[in-house]
Protein backbone atom coordinates (compact mmCIF):
# COMPACT_ATOMS: atom_id res chain seq x y z
CA MET A 1 -8.86 -29.64 -22.80
CA ASN A 2 -6.83 -26.49 -23.32
CA THR A 3 -8.45 -23.16 -22.52
CA SER A 4 -7.11 -20.33 -24.64
CA ILE A 5 -5.81 -17.30 -22.75
CA ARG A 6 -6.61 -13.88 -24.18
CA ALA A 7 -3.59 -12.10 -25.63
CA LYS A 8 -4.41 -9.08 -23.45
CA ASP A 9 -4.23 -11.13 -20.24
CA ARG A 10 -1.16 -13.04 -21.42
CA ASP A 11 0.77 -9.88 -22.25
CA ALA A 12 -0.28 -8.18 -18.99
CA VAL A 13 1.07 -11.07 -16.93
CA ILE A 14 4.25 -11.81 -18.90
CA GLN A 15 5.33 -8.21 -19.38
CA SER A 16 4.78 -7.38 -15.71
CA LEU A 17 6.68 -10.41 -14.45
CA ARG A 18 9.52 -9.83 -16.90
CA ALA A 19 9.85 -6.25 -15.61
CA GLY A 20 9.89 -7.51 -12.02
CA VAL A 21 6.55 -6.00 -11.03
CA VAL A 22 3.28 -7.56 -9.90
CA PRO A 23 0.64 -7.83 -12.66
CA ARG A 24 -2.54 -5.81 -12.17
CA ALA A 25 -4.65 -8.21 -14.24
CA GLY A 26 -4.68 -11.95 -14.81
CA GLN A 27 -3.42 -12.82 -11.31
CA HIS A 28 -5.66 -15.89 -11.22
CA LEU A 29 -3.62 -17.39 -14.08
CA ILE A 30 -0.50 -17.74 -11.94
CA GLN A 31 -1.96 -18.00 -8.43
CA VAL A 32 -0.28 -20.71 -6.36
CA GLY A 33 -1.47 -21.92 -2.95
CA ARG A 34 -2.92 -19.45 -0.41
CA ALA A 35 -6.32 -21.18 -0.49
CA ARG A 36 -7.06 -20.61 3.22
CA GLU A 37 -5.86 -17.00 3.10
CA ILE A 38 -7.95 -16.20 0.04
CA GLU A 39 -10.99 -17.85 1.62
CA THR A 40 -10.52 -15.62 4.67
CA LEU A 41 -10.37 -12.43 2.60
CA VAL A 42 -13.37 -13.48 0.50
CA GLY A 43 -15.29 -13.78 3.76
CA ASP A 44 -14.21 -10.21 4.61
CA ILE A 45 -15.43 -9.00 1.23
CA GLU A 46 -18.81 -10.62 1.77
CA ARG A 47 -19.03 -8.98 5.21
CA ILE A 48 -18.36 -5.56 3.66
CA ALA A 49 -20.99 -6.21 0.99
CA ASP A 50 -23.45 -7.01 3.77
CA GLY A 51 -22.89 -3.57 5.30
CA GLY A 52 -20.23 -4.59 7.81
CA SER A 53 -16.59 -3.60 8.17
CA SER A 54 -13.25 -5.36 7.92
CA PHE A 55 -9.60 -4.86 8.85
CA ARG A 56 -6.75 -7.14 7.80
CA MET A 57 -3.00 -6.81 8.11
CA ILE A 58 -1.16 -8.91 5.51
CA ILE A 59 2.30 -9.67 6.93
CA GLY A 60 5.05 -11.40 5.00
CA GLU A 61 8.77 -11.29 4.34
CA TYR A 62 10.12 -9.42 1.35
CA GLY A 63 9.29 -11.52 -1.72
CA ALA A 64 6.63 -13.61 0.04
CA GLY A 65 3.96 -12.27 -2.33
CA LYS A 66 2.20 -9.55 -0.30
CA THR A 67 1.66 -7.20 -3.24
CA PHE A 68 0.49 -10.06 -5.47
CA PHE A 69 -1.92 -11.18 -2.75
CA LEU A 70 -3.29 -7.64 -2.32
CA ASN A 71 -3.85 -7.36 -6.08
CA LEU A 72 -5.57 -10.74 -6.13
CA VAL A 73 -7.92 -9.69 -3.32
CA ARG A 74 -8.52 -6.44 -5.19
CA ALA A 75 -9.59 -8.38 -8.30
CA VAL A 76 -11.96 -10.55 -6.25
CA ALA A 77 -13.48 -7.46 -4.60
CA LEU A 78 -14.13 -5.85 -7.99
CA GLU A 79 -15.93 -8.99 -9.16
CA LYS A 80 -18.09 -8.83 -6.02
CA LYS A 81 -19.24 -5.30 -6.98
CA LEU A 82 -17.07 -3.51 -4.45
CA VAL A 83 -15.25 -0.28 -5.21
CA VAL A 84 -11.51 -0.54 -4.50
CA ALA A 85 -9.13 2.30 -3.64
CA SER A 86 -5.46 1.33 -3.57
CA ALA A 87 -2.19 3.15 -2.93
CA ASP A 88 1.39 2.58 -1.79
CA LEU A 89 2.69 4.52 1.18
CA ASN A 90 5.92 6.49 0.78
CA PRO A 91 7.58 9.43 2.59
CA ASP A 92 5.09 11.80 0.92
CA ARG A 93 2.01 9.66 1.55
CA ARG A 94 1.06 8.74 5.13
CA LEU A 95 -2.04 7.98 7.17
CA HIS A 96 -1.44 10.95 9.46
CA ALA A 97 0.58 14.12 8.93
CA SER A 98 0.41 17.88 9.22
CA GLY A 99 2.28 18.82 6.05
CA GLY A 100 -0.13 17.49 3.42
CA GLN A 101 1.14 13.89 3.29
CA ALA A 102 -2.17 12.41 4.47
CA ARG A 103 -4.11 14.45 1.90
CA SER A 104 -1.63 13.28 -0.71
CA LEU A 105 -2.42 9.67 0.23
CA TYR A 106 -6.15 10.38 -0.07
CA ALA A 107 -5.66 12.00 -3.50
CA GLU A 108 -3.73 8.91 -4.66
CA LEU A 109 -6.53 6.65 -3.41
CA MET A 110 -9.09 8.69 -5.35
CA ARG A 111 -6.97 8.55 -8.53
CA ASN A 112 -6.84 4.76 -8.21
CA LEU A 113 -10.52 4.35 -7.29
CA SER A 114 -11.67 1.37 -9.36
CA THR A 115 -14.84 -0.49 -10.24
CA ARG A 116 -15.42 -3.61 -12.28
CA THR A 117 -16.07 -1.53 -15.40
CA LYS A 118 -13.12 0.80 -14.71
CA PRO A 119 -10.48 -1.44 -13.15
CA ASP A 120 -7.58 0.91 -13.87
CA GLY A 121 -8.80 3.81 -11.71
CA GLY A 122 -10.54 7.11 -12.36
CA ALA A 123 -13.99 5.78 -11.44
CA LEU A 124 -15.07 8.60 -9.11
CA ALA A 125 -17.15 10.57 -11.63
CA GLY A 126 -18.84 7.37 -12.80
CA ILE A 127 -19.80 6.50 -9.21
CA VAL A 128 -21.42 9.91 -8.69
CA GLU A 129 -23.36 9.63 -11.94
CA LYS A 130 -24.48 6.12 -11.07
CA PHE A 131 -25.83 7.52 -7.81
CA ILE A 132 -27.85 10.07 -9.79
CA GLY A 133 -29.13 7.40 -12.17
CA THR A 134 -30.09 5.10 -9.30
CA ALA A 135 -31.90 7.92 -7.49
CA LYS A 136 -33.86 8.91 -10.60
CA THR A 137 -34.89 5.30 -11.21
CA GLU A 138 -36.09 4.92 -7.62
CA ALA A 139 -37.91 8.27 -7.83
CA LYS A 140 -39.75 7.15 -10.94
CA ILE A 141 -40.82 3.93 -9.25
CA ALA A 142 -41.93 5.80 -6.11
CA GLY A 143 -43.72 8.49 -8.15
CA ILE A 144 -41.83 11.41 -6.56
CA PRO A 145 -39.56 14.10 -8.05
CA SER A 146 -35.95 12.98 -8.53
CA GLU A 147 -34.66 15.97 -6.51
CA GLU A 148 -36.68 14.82 -3.51
CA MET A 149 -35.33 11.28 -3.81
CA ILE A 150 -31.74 12.55 -4.07
CA ARG A 151 -32.18 14.69 -0.95
CA LYS A 152 -33.76 11.78 0.87
CA LYS A 153 -30.85 9.48 0.06
CA LEU A 154 -28.27 12.13 0.96
CA ASP A 155 -29.86 12.56 4.39
CA HIS A 156 -28.16 9.27 5.35
CA LEU A 157 -24.79 11.03 5.10
CA THR A 158 -25.51 13.98 7.36
CA GLU A 159 -25.05 12.01 10.59
CA LEU A 160 -21.33 11.52 9.84
CA VAL A 161 -18.50 14.02 10.33
CA ASN A 162 -18.56 16.59 7.49
CA GLY A 163 -21.68 14.85 6.22
CA PHE A 164 -23.63 18.07 5.54
CA ASP A 165 -20.88 19.47 3.33
CA PHE A 166 -20.47 16.14 1.52
CA ALA A 167 -24.22 15.93 0.86
CA HIS A 168 -24.25 19.55 -0.35
CA VAL A 169 -21.43 18.86 -2.80
CA ILE A 170 -23.17 15.78 -4.21
CA ALA A 171 -26.43 17.75 -4.55
CA THR A 172 -24.46 20.44 -6.40
CA TYR A 173 -23.22 17.82 -8.86
CA CYS A 174 -26.80 16.60 -9.41
CA CYS A 175 -27.93 20.13 -10.28
CA ALA A 176 -24.92 20.66 -12.55
CA PHE A 177 -25.68 17.31 -14.21
CA ASP A 178 -29.23 18.42 -15.05
CA GLU A 179 -28.05 21.86 -16.22
CA GLY A 180 -25.11 20.55 -18.23
CA ASN A 181 -22.67 22.71 -16.24
CA GLU A 182 -19.38 20.92 -16.87
CA GLN A 183 -17.29 23.38 -14.85
CA ARG A 184 -19.39 22.87 -11.73
CA LYS A 185 -19.22 19.10 -12.17
CA ALA A 186 -15.44 19.29 -12.49
CA ASP A 187 -15.25 21.38 -9.29
CA VAL A 188 -17.25 18.76 -7.40
CA ILE A 189 -14.94 15.97 -8.57
CA ARG A 190 -11.93 18.08 -7.56
CA TRP A 191 -13.43 18.51 -4.08
CA LEU A 192 -14.13 14.79 -3.75
CA ARG A 193 -10.56 14.02 -4.81
CA GLY A 194 -9.16 16.35 -2.18
CA GLU A 195 -7.63 18.75 -4.70
CA PHE A 196 -8.86 21.95 -3.04
CA THR A 197 -6.06 23.24 -0.83
CA THR A 198 -7.84 26.23 0.75
CA LYS A 199 -11.31 26.68 2.22
CA THR A 200 -11.63 30.00 0.38
CA ASP A 201 -11.39 28.28 -3.00
CA ALA A 202 -13.93 25.64 -1.97
CA MET A 203 -16.34 28.29 -0.72
CA LYS A 204 -16.02 30.27 -3.92
CA ALA A 205 -16.48 27.26 -6.20
CA LEU A 206 -19.05 25.15 -4.32
CA GLY A 207 -20.32 27.13 -1.34
CA VAL A 208 -18.83 24.81 1.31
CA ARG A 209 -16.31 25.69 3.97
CA ALA A 210 -14.91 22.20 4.52
CA ILE A 211 -12.13 20.62 2.46
CA VAL A 212 -10.34 17.30 2.63
CA ASP A 213 -7.24 18.09 4.69
CA ASP A 214 -4.83 15.89 6.63
CA ALA A 215 -7.14 15.65 9.63
CA ALA A 216 -10.25 14.69 7.63
CA VAL A 217 -8.95 11.83 5.46
CA TYR A 218 -10.34 8.88 7.43
CA ASP A 219 -13.70 10.60 8.03
CA GLN A 220 -13.90 11.31 4.30
CA LEU A 221 -13.29 7.64 3.50
CA LYS A 222 -16.15 6.65 5.82
CA LEU A 223 -18.43 9.14 4.07
CA LEU A 224 -17.34 7.87 0.67
CA ALA A 225 -18.01 4.26 1.68
CA ARG A 226 -21.58 5.03 2.68
CA PHE A 227 -22.13 7.11 -0.47
CA ILE A 228 -20.81 4.25 -2.62
CA ARG A 229 -23.42 1.95 -1.13
CA LEU A 230 -26.12 4.54 -1.86
CA ALA A 231 -24.92 4.53 -5.47
CA GLY A 232 -25.65 0.81 -5.77
CA PHE A 233 -22.24 -0.73 -5.11
CA SER A 234 -21.56 -3.24 -2.36
CA GLY A 235 -19.01 -1.20 -0.42
CA LEU A 236 -15.49 0.23 -0.39
CA LEU A 237 -12.23 -1.69 0.10
CA VAL A 238 -9.12 0.39 0.83
CA SER A 239 -5.87 -1.41 -0.01
CA LEU A 240 -2.62 0.08 1.33
CA ASP A 241 0.79 -1.42 0.61
CA GLU A 242 4.36 -0.62 1.71
CA LEU A 243 3.42 0.22 5.30
CA VAL A 244 7.07 -0.42 6.14
CA ASN A 245 7.52 3.27 5.25
CA LEU A 246 5.84 4.11 8.56
CA TYR A 247 8.39 1.91 10.31
CA LYS A 248 11.15 3.92 8.63
CA LEU A 249 9.97 7.24 10.08
CA ALA A 250 12.78 8.46 12.32
CA ASN A 251 10.60 10.87 14.28
CA THR A 252 8.92 8.95 17.12
CA GLN A 253 6.03 11.40 17.41
CA ALA A 254 5.21 11.19 13.69
CA ARG A 255 5.43 7.41 13.78
CA ASN A 256 3.14 7.09 16.79
CA ALA A 257 0.61 9.49 15.22
CA ASN A 258 0.34 7.15 12.22
CA TYR A 259 0.02 4.13 14.51
CA GLU A 260 -2.74 5.98 16.39
CA GLN A 261 -4.62 6.34 13.10
CA ILE A 262 -4.23 2.61 12.44
CA LEU A 263 -5.60 1.96 15.94
CA ARG A 264 -8.60 4.17 15.22
CA ILE A 265 -9.33 2.31 11.97
CA LEU A 266 -8.93 -1.05 13.72
CA ASN A 267 -11.23 -0.08 16.60
CA ASP A 268 -13.95 1.16 14.24
CA SER A 269 -13.74 -2.08 12.30
CA LEU A 270 -13.83 -4.35 15.35
CA GLN A 271 -16.74 -2.39 16.80
CA GLY A 272 -18.65 -2.39 13.52
CA SER A 273 -19.04 1.40 13.40
CA SER A 274 -17.89 1.70 9.78
CA GLU A 275 -20.58 0.78 7.28
CA GLY A 276 -19.49 -1.00 4.12
CA LEU A 277 -15.80 -0.15 4.60
CA GLY A 278 -12.82 -2.49 4.70
CA PHE A 279 -9.07 -2.00 5.01
CA ILE A 280 -6.34 -4.37 3.92
CA LEU A 281 -2.77 -3.34 4.77
CA GLY A 282 0.49 -4.92 3.65
CA GLY A 283 3.68 -4.88 5.72
CA THR A 284 6.76 -6.84 6.78
CA PRO A 285 7.29 -8.76 10.04
CA GLU A 286 9.64 -6.00 11.27
CA PHE A 287 6.90 -3.42 10.77
CA LEU A 288 4.58 -5.50 12.96
CA LEU A 289 6.81 -7.12 15.57
CA ASP A 290 9.59 -4.62 16.31
CA SER A 291 8.94 -3.53 19.90
CA ARG A 292 10.93 -0.31 19.45
CA ARG A 293 9.72 1.01 16.09
CA GLY A 294 7.00 -1.32 14.80
CA LEU A 295 3.31 -1.60 15.59
CA TYR A 296 4.21 -3.58 18.71
CA SER A 297 5.88 -0.44 20.08
CA TYR A 298 2.35 0.94 20.51
CA PRO A 299 0.85 -1.06 23.43
CA ALA A 300 -2.79 -0.70 22.35
CA LEU A 301 -1.97 -2.12 18.92
CA GLN A 302 0.20 -4.88 20.32
CA SER A 303 -2.66 -6.20 22.46
CA ARG A 304 -5.08 -6.16 19.50
CA LEU A 305 -2.70 -7.62 16.91
CA ALA A 306 -1.03 -10.27 19.10
CA GLN A 307 -0.98 -13.76 17.64
CA ASN A 308 -3.21 -16.45 19.10
CA THR A 309 -0.97 -18.31 21.57
CA PHE A 310 -2.65 -21.61 20.60
CA ALA A 311 -1.64 -21.14 16.94
CA ALA A 312 1.58 -23.10 17.23
CA SER A 313 3.05 -26.41 16.02
CA GLY A 314 1.49 -26.08 12.58
CA LEU A 315 -1.88 -24.82 13.84
CA VAL A 316 -3.25 -21.68 12.17
CA ASP A 317 -5.83 -19.04 13.06
CA PHE A 318 -7.16 -16.75 10.33
CA SER A 319 -9.89 -15.17 12.45
CA GLY A 320 -7.62 -12.44 13.87
CA PRO A 321 -6.78 -9.14 12.17
CA VAL A 322 -3.29 -10.36 11.10
CA VAL A 323 -2.82 -12.80 8.22
CA ARG A 324 0.75 -14.08 7.93
CA LEU A 325 1.97 -15.15 4.51
CA SER A 326 4.71 -17.75 4.41
CA SER A 327 7.31 -17.80 1.65
CA LEU A 328 6.86 -20.12 -1.32
CA THR A 329 8.12 -23.68 -1.03
CA PRO A 330 10.09 -25.38 -3.85
CA GLU A 331 6.94 -27.34 -4.70
CA ASP A 332 4.91 -24.12 -4.96
CA PHE A 333 7.58 -22.54 -7.10
CA TYR A 334 7.59 -25.54 -9.45
CA VAL A 335 3.83 -25.16 -9.96
CA LEU A 336 4.31 -21.41 -10.47
CA LEU A 337 6.86 -21.95 -13.24
CA GLN A 338 4.50 -24.44 -14.88
CA LYS A 339 1.74 -21.85 -14.87
CA ILE A 340 4.04 -19.16 -16.26
CA ARG A 341 5.05 -21.54 -19.04
CA HIS A 342 1.38 -22.21 -19.79
CA VAL A 343 0.51 -18.50 -19.85
CA TYR A 344 3.48 -17.80 -22.14
CA ALA A 345 2.11 -20.43 -24.53
CA GLY A 346 -1.27 -18.69 -24.59
CA GLY A 347 -2.95 -21.60 -22.81
CA GLU A 348 -1.98 -24.20 -25.45
CA SER A 349 -0.04 -27.15 -24.05
CA GLU A 350 1.43 -28.12 -27.41
CA LYS A 351 3.25 -24.77 -27.52
CA HIS A 352 5.13 -25.26 -24.23
CA LEU A 353 8.74 -24.30 -24.83
CA VAL A 354 10.26 -26.15 -21.85
CA PRO A 355 9.25 -29.65 -20.65
CA ASP A 356 8.56 -30.47 -17.03
CA HIS A 357 12.00 -31.98 -16.48
CA GLY A 358 13.45 -28.79 -18.00
CA ILE A 359 11.76 -26.77 -15.23
CA VAL A 360 13.30 -29.11 -12.66
CA SER A 361 16.73 -28.62 -14.24
CA PHE A 362 16.21 -24.85 -14.20
CA MET A 363 15.35 -24.93 -10.49
CA GLU A 364 18.41 -27.08 -9.73
CA PHE A 365 20.61 -24.63 -11.62
CA CYS A 366 19.13 -21.70 -9.65
CA ALA A 367 19.63 -23.51 -6.35
CA LYS A 368 23.33 -24.01 -7.12
CA ARG A 369 23.75 -20.34 -8.02
CA ILE A 370 21.86 -18.50 -5.26
CA GLY A 371 20.61 -21.16 -2.82
CA ASP A 372 17.06 -21.16 -1.47
CA THR A 373 16.70 -17.46 -2.34
CA TYR A 374 15.53 -18.57 -5.78
CA PHE A 375 12.12 -19.62 -4.44
CA ARG A 376 11.88 -17.49 -1.27
CA THR A 377 12.38 -14.17 -3.12
CA PRO A 378 11.75 -15.34 -6.68
CA ARG A 379 11.53 -12.03 -8.55
CA THR A 380 14.86 -12.35 -10.39
CA THR A 381 14.38 -16.09 -10.88
CA ILE A 382 11.03 -15.56 -12.60
CA THR A 383 12.51 -12.84 -14.81
CA SER A 384 15.32 -15.20 -15.87
CA PHE A 385 12.82 -17.97 -16.65
CA ILE A 386 10.73 -15.67 -18.85
CA ASN A 387 13.91 -14.45 -20.59
CA LEU A 388 14.74 -18.10 -21.28
CA LEU A 389 11.27 -18.66 -22.79
CA ALA A 390 11.65 -15.53 -24.93
CA ILE A 391 14.94 -16.77 -26.43
CA LEU A 392 13.47 -20.21 -27.14
CA GLU A 393 10.42 -18.67 -28.80
CA GLN A 394 12.40 -16.39 -31.10
CA ASN A 395 15.24 -18.83 -31.87
CA PRO A 396 13.74 -22.19 -32.90
CA ASP A 397 17.19 -23.80 -33.26
CA ALA A 398 18.13 -23.05 -29.62
CA THR A 399 17.61 -25.63 -26.88
CA TRP A 400 16.97 -25.03 -23.23
CA GLN A 401 19.85 -27.37 -22.33
CA SER A 402 22.37 -25.20 -24.20
CA LEU A 403 21.01 -21.96 -22.74
CA LEU A 404 20.82 -23.05 -19.12
CA GLY A 405 24.49 -22.51 -18.33
CA ASN A 406 24.50 -19.00 -19.83
CA ILE A 407 21.80 -17.54 -17.54
CA GLU A 408 22.94 -14.59 -15.47
CA LEU A 409 21.24 -15.00 -12.11
CA ILE A 410 21.64 -12.83 -9.01
CA ALA A 411 19.83 -12.93 -5.69
CA ASP A 412 17.04 -10.41 -5.12
CA THR A 413 18.31 -8.23 -2.25
CA GLY A 414 15.67 -5.51 -2.46
CA GLY A 415 14.29 -6.46 0.95
CA GLU A 416 17.43 -5.24 2.71
CA THR A 417 16.22 -1.65 2.33
CA ASP A 418 13.06 -2.39 4.34
CA THR A 419 14.91 -2.09 7.63
CA GLN A 420 17.30 0.70 6.71
CA VAL A 421 16.19 3.46 9.04
CA SER A 422 17.83 6.31 10.92
CA PRO A 423 16.68 5.74 14.50
CA GLU A 424 17.72 7.77 17.48
CA GLY A 425 21.30 6.86 18.22
CA ASP A 426 22.30 5.55 14.80
CA THR A 427 24.79 7.30 12.66
CA ALA A 428 23.63 10.55 11.07
CA LYS A 429 25.66 13.12 9.21
CA GLN A 430 25.31 16.80 8.39
CA VAL A 431 27.43 18.70 5.95
CA SER A 432 27.73 22.42 6.54
CA PRO A 433 27.81 24.92 3.65
CA GLU A 434 31.43 25.71 4.51
CA GLY A 435 32.45 22.10 4.08
CA GLY A 436 32.46 21.04 7.73
CA THR A 437 30.76 17.80 8.71
CA ALA A 438 28.88 16.71 11.82
CA LYS A 439 28.49 13.14 12.97
CA GLN A 440 26.40 11.46 15.63
CA VAL A 441 27.28 7.93 16.67
CA SER A 442 25.30 5.58 18.92
CA PRO A 443 25.45 6.30 22.65
CA GLU A 444 27.11 2.96 23.42
CA GLY A 445 30.65 4.27 23.61
CA GLY A 446 30.22 6.54 20.59
CA THR A 447 30.88 10.27 20.34
CA ALA A 448 29.50 13.16 18.36
CA LYS A 449 32.09 15.20 16.52
CA GLN A 450 32.03 18.32 14.35
CA VAL A 451 35.07 19.30 12.31
CA SER A 452 35.44 22.88 11.12
CA PRO A 453 37.55 23.87 8.08
CA GLU A 454 40.01 25.54 10.45
CA GLY A 455 40.55 22.35 12.43
CA GLY A 456 38.30 23.05 15.42
CA THR A 457 36.36 20.13 16.88
CA ALA A 458 33.23 19.55 18.97
CA LYS A 459 33.00 16.47 21.15
CA GLN A 460 30.12 14.97 23.03
CA ALA A 461 30.91 13.35 26.37
CA GLU A 462 28.92 10.47 27.80
CA ASN A 463 26.98 12.84 30.07
CA GLY A 464 25.45 14.55 27.03
CA VAL A 465 27.45 17.81 27.32
CA ALA A 466 29.54 18.71 24.31
CA SER A 467 32.37 21.19 24.09
CA ILE A 468 34.15 22.97 21.26
CA THR A 469 37.92 23.42 21.23
CA HIS A 470 39.93 25.50 18.82
CA SER A 471 43.46 26.76 18.88
CA ASP A 472 42.31 30.38 18.71
CA VAL A 473 38.93 30.17 20.46
CA PRO A 474 38.28 29.75 24.20
CA ARG A 475 36.44 26.62 25.38
CA THR A 476 32.67 26.94 24.81
CA GLU A 477 30.01 24.71 26.37
CA VAL A 478 27.25 23.28 24.19
CA THR A 479 24.33 21.94 26.18
CA ASN A 480 21.58 21.59 23.57
CA ILE A 481 21.96 18.87 20.99
CA GLU A 482 18.75 17.85 19.24
CA SER A 483 18.21 14.95 16.90
CA GLY A 484 16.18 15.82 13.81
CA ASP A 485 14.63 13.40 11.38
CA GLU A 486 17.72 13.09 9.18
CA PHE A 487 20.68 14.73 10.89
CA ALA A 488 21.91 16.16 14.15
CA THR A 489 21.52 19.90 14.73
CA PHE A 490 24.01 21.59 17.04
CA LYS A 491 22.85 24.78 18.76
CA LEU A 492 25.64 26.86 20.25
C-alpha cells in the first residue's frame, strides 16, 4: 500500500538534492544502509538522555554521506527530546582561538539551537521560558513560591565554571518575565548567545562581569547542557561538520590548540564528567590519519582514536569514538535512486516517471561517462537524475530513452579542496605594493627568491641564510626569514 508523502517533505528533499545540498528534513525518506552506524548513534542519544555523555567522530571520504548522516542523527535526537546545536567550521569559526573565532562558533551554535517544536533554530528563548514554566509547575505542586523553586534549581549550576554568573542571568530573565520587561529579556538572550563583546556592557546590562569569550566556549556548553536538562529536555547534542578546516590551518600552534580542545572534550566524555552533553564531529580520513597535520599528529589523540587492531578482514567495531563511513556501493545507489523516484512521485507508485530498468540504464550511462565516481561521490549524479525526472514530468511526450544520451554529466571534484593547504615548506607567495613578488619553495632543493622592480634578487641557500644582490647595492645578509600563515615575510 502506498503511503502519501507530504508536499512539504517532498519539496524539501527534492529541492535540496537538486541544488546539491543535504536536506534538513525528510532524510528518512531517502536513507540507504548505515543500519549499524545509526544504531550506534541512537545508543549514544539514549546515553545522553540518561544523563551521560558521548563523543563520536564521523569519518568518511568526500561524498560518503557524512553531512547527510549528521543531519539524520540530528533528526533522531530531536525526536528523542534532545536539544541540538549544529554548525560548520570555517576559517572564522574554530574550537579554539584568540581572535574571536571560537566565540563566533558558539554564536552560530546558539543561532542553530533546535528543538522538536523549533527544528530550524532559534529555540534559545523558548528553552529559557520552558525552564520558568517547569519551575512554576513544580513550585505549585510542592506548595512553595516559584522564586524559591527557581533558585533551588539554579543552585545545580553554581558548581560549574561561570555557574554563578549563568544562574544570575537566568534568574534575571525570570524576574523580567514576571515584570514584562522585554529589554531585559532580550539582554539575557544576547548574553546566552555570546553577543556581548565587552565585560563592561554585560555589567551595565545584567550586572555580571563574565561574558562568553573564546576561552569560555566549552565551559558555557557544559552549563547550557545542564540547564537544558533542568528545563525538561533530555540533553544537548552538539553537531560540528567540516572539521577538515582545522586540518587546513597552516599555523602549527593554532592547529594544536584546536586539537587540544578536542582532546579535552573527548576526555570529559570518556570520563563521564559532562552531564547530558554529546558531541558528534564530521571529518575526512586525512583530517584523522595524517601524522603531520591531522589528529594523529597529536599523540594523545592518536592513542585515544586509534582503530581496534582486531577490526580487520571485514570485522567492525562501533564501540570506539571513531565511526568510519564507507562510500555507497552500486547496489546502495540503485536503492537510493528508487527512493528519490518514489519521493518525486509523492509516494504514489503509479506516478513513477522512470521504471526500474530505466534506473539501471541511467546508472550504466553514468558509469560509462565518469566511472565509479557516479556512486562514490554521487552529488552531480543525483542532480542529473532529478533533472531527468523534472523534464519527464513537465513534458509528457518525452521518454527517458530519448533523454538519456543528452544528459550533461561531470564528476564531482569538490573533495580535492579538502587537502589543499599551505603547510610549512610548500609554495607561498607575497606580492609587495611596489609590484615585487616573493616566493618560498619547499626545502628539498628549492630556493626562496624575491624580485624587486629594479631587478635585484634575494636568494635563500640551503643553510637557511639568504642574501640580496643588486647592481647598485652592496651584498646584504638576511638571517631572519619567518613563515606566516599565508606568505613568507622577509625581515632585512
